[in-house]
């Protein structure tokens, strides 16, 4: 299998970071139970509408809209399952910073609550905007080329270093020394 991916800007990044690379844990959150309940509810909802379509999808005398209601209900259950899948994949389980690659390793959840495959994102492709006026439960991270934001759940996280996350994103991985920002690769003169 191919071990590198060519990004749109012409740079190469490995599909997966080597296990031996040093990682700085910036965020972790266990959404296992949340997504198990969501999956169970979506499956139950879909099962009901499948049963309803099989049992009552034929027009009843005086109520000719019954087949339409059945199809709309089944369609809504499919949308519910797709939304659960997308939400679980963008709800971050773990966020690591890999300095050697100057990238984030983003690990989401799968629909059953487990961890998904890690995704590497170069820091120059990562932005974040705090949501003004919101409860600020979620911290969004946007990766260039992805349609949707990744979300960090601040209220339910087991560990989160928001100051360090902002520092890394805003400075694109610059090293910080004596409260001065030093771009990577440049030496600090004392």
Protein backbone atom coordinates (compact mmCIF):
# COMPACT_ATOMS: atom_id res chain seq x y z
CA UNK A 1 0.00 0.00 0.00
CA UNK A 2 1.12 3.53 -0.73
CA UNK A 3 2.85 5.04 2.29
CA UNK A 4 2.72 8.70 1.22
CA UNK A 5 0.05 11.04 -0.05
CA UNK A 6 0.68 13.96 -2.40
CA UNK A 7 -1.10 17.02 -1.00
CA UNK A 8 -2.69 19.65 -3.24
CA UNK A 9 0.19 22.05 -2.57
CA UNK A 10 2.76 19.55 -3.87
CA UNK A 11 4.20 18.35 -0.54
CA UNK A 12 4.33 14.75 0.59
CA UNK A 13 3.03 13.55 3.95
CA UNK A 14 2.94 9.93 5.10
CA UNK A 15 -0.52 8.36 5.39
CA UNK A 16 0.30 7.26 8.94
CA UNK A 17 2.94 8.54 11.34
CA UNK A 18 5.56 6.04 12.41
CA UNK A 19 4.91 4.68 15.90
CA UNK A 20 8.44 5.71 16.96
CA UNK A 21 7.81 9.42 16.32
CA UNK A 22 7.38 11.50 19.45
CA UNK A 23 3.82 12.76 19.93
CA UNK A 24 2.62 15.55 22.18
CA UNK A 25 -0.90 14.79 23.41
CA UNK A 26 -2.95 17.99 23.17
CA UNK A 27 -6.49 16.64 23.54
CA UNK A 28 -8.31 13.44 24.37
CA UNK A 29 -12.00 12.69 24.78
CA UNK A 30 -13.82 9.38 25.03
CA UNK A 31 -17.13 9.54 23.17
CA UNK A 32 -17.58 5.77 23.13
CA UNK A 33 -20.90 5.70 25.02
CA UNK A 34 -22.29 8.72 23.15
CA UNK A 35 -21.83 7.04 19.78
CA UNK A 36 -23.03 3.64 20.93
CA UNK A 37 -26.30 5.22 22.10
CA UNK A 38 -26.54 7.25 18.88
CA UNK A 39 -26.00 4.12 16.78
CA UNK A 40 -28.54 2.12 18.79
CA UNK A 41 -31.13 4.90 18.46
CA UNK A 42 -30.53 5.20 14.70
CA UNK A 43 -30.78 1.41 14.25
CA UNK A 44 -33.98 1.26 16.29
CA UNK A 45 -35.46 4.17 14.34
CA UNK A 46 -34.56 2.52 11.02
CA UNK A 47 -35.94 -0.86 12.19
CA UNK A 48 -39.25 0.75 13.12
CA UNK A 49 -39.62 2.39 9.71
CA UNK A 50 -38.66 -0.80 7.88
CA UNK A 51 -41.33 -2.66 9.85
CA UNK A 52 -43.81 0.18 9.24
CA UNK A 53 -43.14 0.08 5.48
CA UNK A 54 -43.60 -3.70 5.38
CA UNK A 55 -46.78 -3.70 7.47
CA UNK A 56 -48.59 -0.49 6.57
CA UNK A 57 -47.26 0.81 3.29
CA UNK A 58 -50.40 -0.21 1.42
CA UNK A 59 -53.10 2.47 1.19
CA UNK A 60 -55.77 2.15 3.83
CA UNK A 61 -59.36 3.02 2.84
CA UNK A 62 -59.87 6.74 3.40
CA UNK A 63 -56.17 7.42 4.12
CA UNK A 64 -54.26 7.49 0.86
CA UNK A 65 -51.17 9.22 2.32
CA UNK A 66 -50.02 6.16 4.26
CA UNK A 67 -47.38 5.06 1.68
CA UNK A 68 -45.95 8.60 1.58
CA UNK A 69 -45.62 8.75 5.39
CA UNK A 70 -43.87 5.38 5.36
CA UNK A 71 -41.36 6.45 2.70
CA UNK A 72 -40.65 9.79 4.41
CA UNK A 73 -40.07 8.01 7.74
CA UNK A 74 -37.67 5.53 6.14
CA UNK A 75 -35.85 8.35 4.34
CA UNK A 76 -35.47 10.26 7.63
CA UNK A 77 -34.01 7.19 9.32
CA UNK A 78 -31.37 6.88 6.58
CA UNK A 79 -30.51 10.58 7.04
CA UNK A 80 -30.26 9.97 10.81
CA UNK A 81 -27.74 7.15 10.27
CA UNK A 82 -25.65 9.20 7.79
CA UNK A 83 -25.59 12.21 10.15
CA UNK A 84 -24.49 9.95 13.01
CA UNK A 85 -21.67 8.57 10.89
CA UNK A 86 -20.43 12.02 9.84
CA UNK A 87 -20.72 13.45 13.38
CA UNK A 88 -18.79 10.55 14.88
CA UNK A 89 -15.95 10.87 12.35
CA UNK A 90 -15.54 14.62 13.00
CA UNK A 91 -15.83 14.36 16.82
CA UNK A 92 -12.15 14.17 17.82
CA UNK A 93 -11.06 11.38 20.13
CA UNK A 94 -7.41 12.36 20.27
CA UNK A 95 -5.27 15.20 18.92
CA UNK A 96 -1.49 14.84 18.86
CA UNK A 97 1.23 17.18 17.65
CA UNK A 98 4.12 15.52 15.83
CA UNK A 99 6.92 18.09 15.73
CA UNK A 100 9.20 16.12 13.39
CA UNK A 101 6.51 16.16 10.68
CA UNK A 102 5.15 19.59 11.75
CA UNK A 103 1.62 18.22 11.70
CA UNK A 104 -1.36 17.23 13.80
CA UNK A 105 -2.45 13.63 14.10
CA UNK A 106 -6.25 13.72 14.34
CA UNK A 107 -8.08 10.62 15.52
CA UNK A 108 -11.87 10.66 15.35
CA UNK A 109 -14.47 8.09 16.37
CA UNK A 110 -16.24 5.48 14.33
CA UNK A 111 -20.00 5.03 14.48
CA UNK A 112 -19.69 2.27 17.12
CA UNK A 113 -17.61 4.48 19.45
CA UNK A 114 -14.14 3.12 18.73
CA UNK A 115 -11.25 5.16 17.39
CA UNK A 116 -11.02 5.77 13.67
CA UNK A 117 -7.89 5.72 11.51
CA UNK A 118 -5.55 8.63 12.32
CA UNK A 119 -5.37 11.50 9.84
CA UNK A 120 -2.26 13.64 9.46
CA UNK A 121 -2.76 17.35 8.76
CA UNK A 122 0.10 19.73 8.01
CA UNK A 123 -0.01 22.77 10.28
CA UNK A 124 -0.04 25.18 7.34
CA UNK A 125 -3.36 23.58 6.31
CA UNK A 126 -4.96 23.89 9.78
CA UNK A 127 -6.99 26.86 11.02
CA UNK A 128 -9.33 27.42 13.91
CA UNK A 129 -11.88 30.06 14.82
CA UNK A 130 -13.54 30.13 18.18
CA UNK A 131 -17.29 30.44 17.90
CA UNK A 132 -18.21 33.90 19.17
CA UNK A 133 -21.41 34.06 21.20
CA UNK A 134 -21.68 30.30 21.56
CA UNK A 135 -21.44 28.28 24.75
CA UNK A 136 -17.93 27.42 23.57
CA UNK A 137 -18.38 23.74 24.34
CA UNK A 138 -16.87 22.83 21.01
CA UNK A 139 -13.57 24.05 19.63
CA UNK A 140 -13.54 23.77 15.81
CA UNK A 141 -10.48 22.86 13.75
CA UNK A 142 -10.60 23.25 9.97
CA UNK A 143 -8.23 21.32 7.74
CA UNK A 144 -7.76 22.71 4.24
CA UNK A 145 -9.40 20.39 1.72
CA UNK A 146 -11.94 18.93 4.18
CA UNK A 147 -15.55 20.02 3.85
CA UNK A 148 -16.40 19.89 7.55
CA UNK A 149 -14.63 21.03 10.71
CA UNK A 150 -13.24 18.63 13.31
CA UNK A 151 -14.65 19.40 16.76
CA UNK A 152 -12.98 19.18 20.13
CA UNK A 153 -15.52 18.78 22.95
CA UNK A 154 -14.10 20.96 25.73
CA UNK A 155 -16.70 20.04 28.37
CA UNK A 156 -16.30 16.26 28.03
CA UNK A 157 -12.55 16.05 27.40
CA UNK A 158 -10.33 14.09 29.74
CA UNK A 159 -7.33 16.25 28.82
CA UNK A 160 -7.05 19.44 26.80
CA UNK A 161 -4.30 21.99 26.43
CA UNK A 162 -6.19 24.74 24.56
CA UNK A 163 -3.44 27.31 25.05
CA UNK A 164 -0.87 25.00 23.44
CA UNK A 165 -3.26 24.07 20.59
CA UNK A 166 -3.80 27.77 19.77
CA UNK A 167 -0.08 28.43 20.05
CA UNK A 168 0.76 25.65 17.58
CA UNK A 169 -2.00 26.59 15.10
CA UNK A 170 -1.33 30.34 15.18
CA UNK A 171 2.44 29.94 14.80
CA UNK A 172 2.33 26.93 12.47
CA UNK A 173 4.63 24.97 14.75
CA UNK A 174 7.10 27.72 15.67
CA UNK A 175 9.20 26.96 18.74
CA UNK A 176 8.59 29.25 21.70
CA UNK A 177 11.52 30.44 23.74
CA UNK A 178 11.54 33.18 26.42
CA UNK A 179 8.10 34.41 25.30
CA UNK A 180 9.38 35.08 21.75
CA UNK A 181 8.28 33.20 18.67
CA UNK A 182 11.11 31.61 16.73
CA UNK A 183 10.19 30.13 13.33
CA UNK A 184 11.23 26.52 12.90
CA UNK A 185 14.69 26.09 11.47
CA UNK A 186 15.98 29.49 12.69
CA UNK A 187 18.35 29.76 15.63
CA UNK A 188 17.70 32.11 18.53
CA UNK A 189 20.42 34.67 19.18
CA UNK A 190 20.84 35.55 22.83
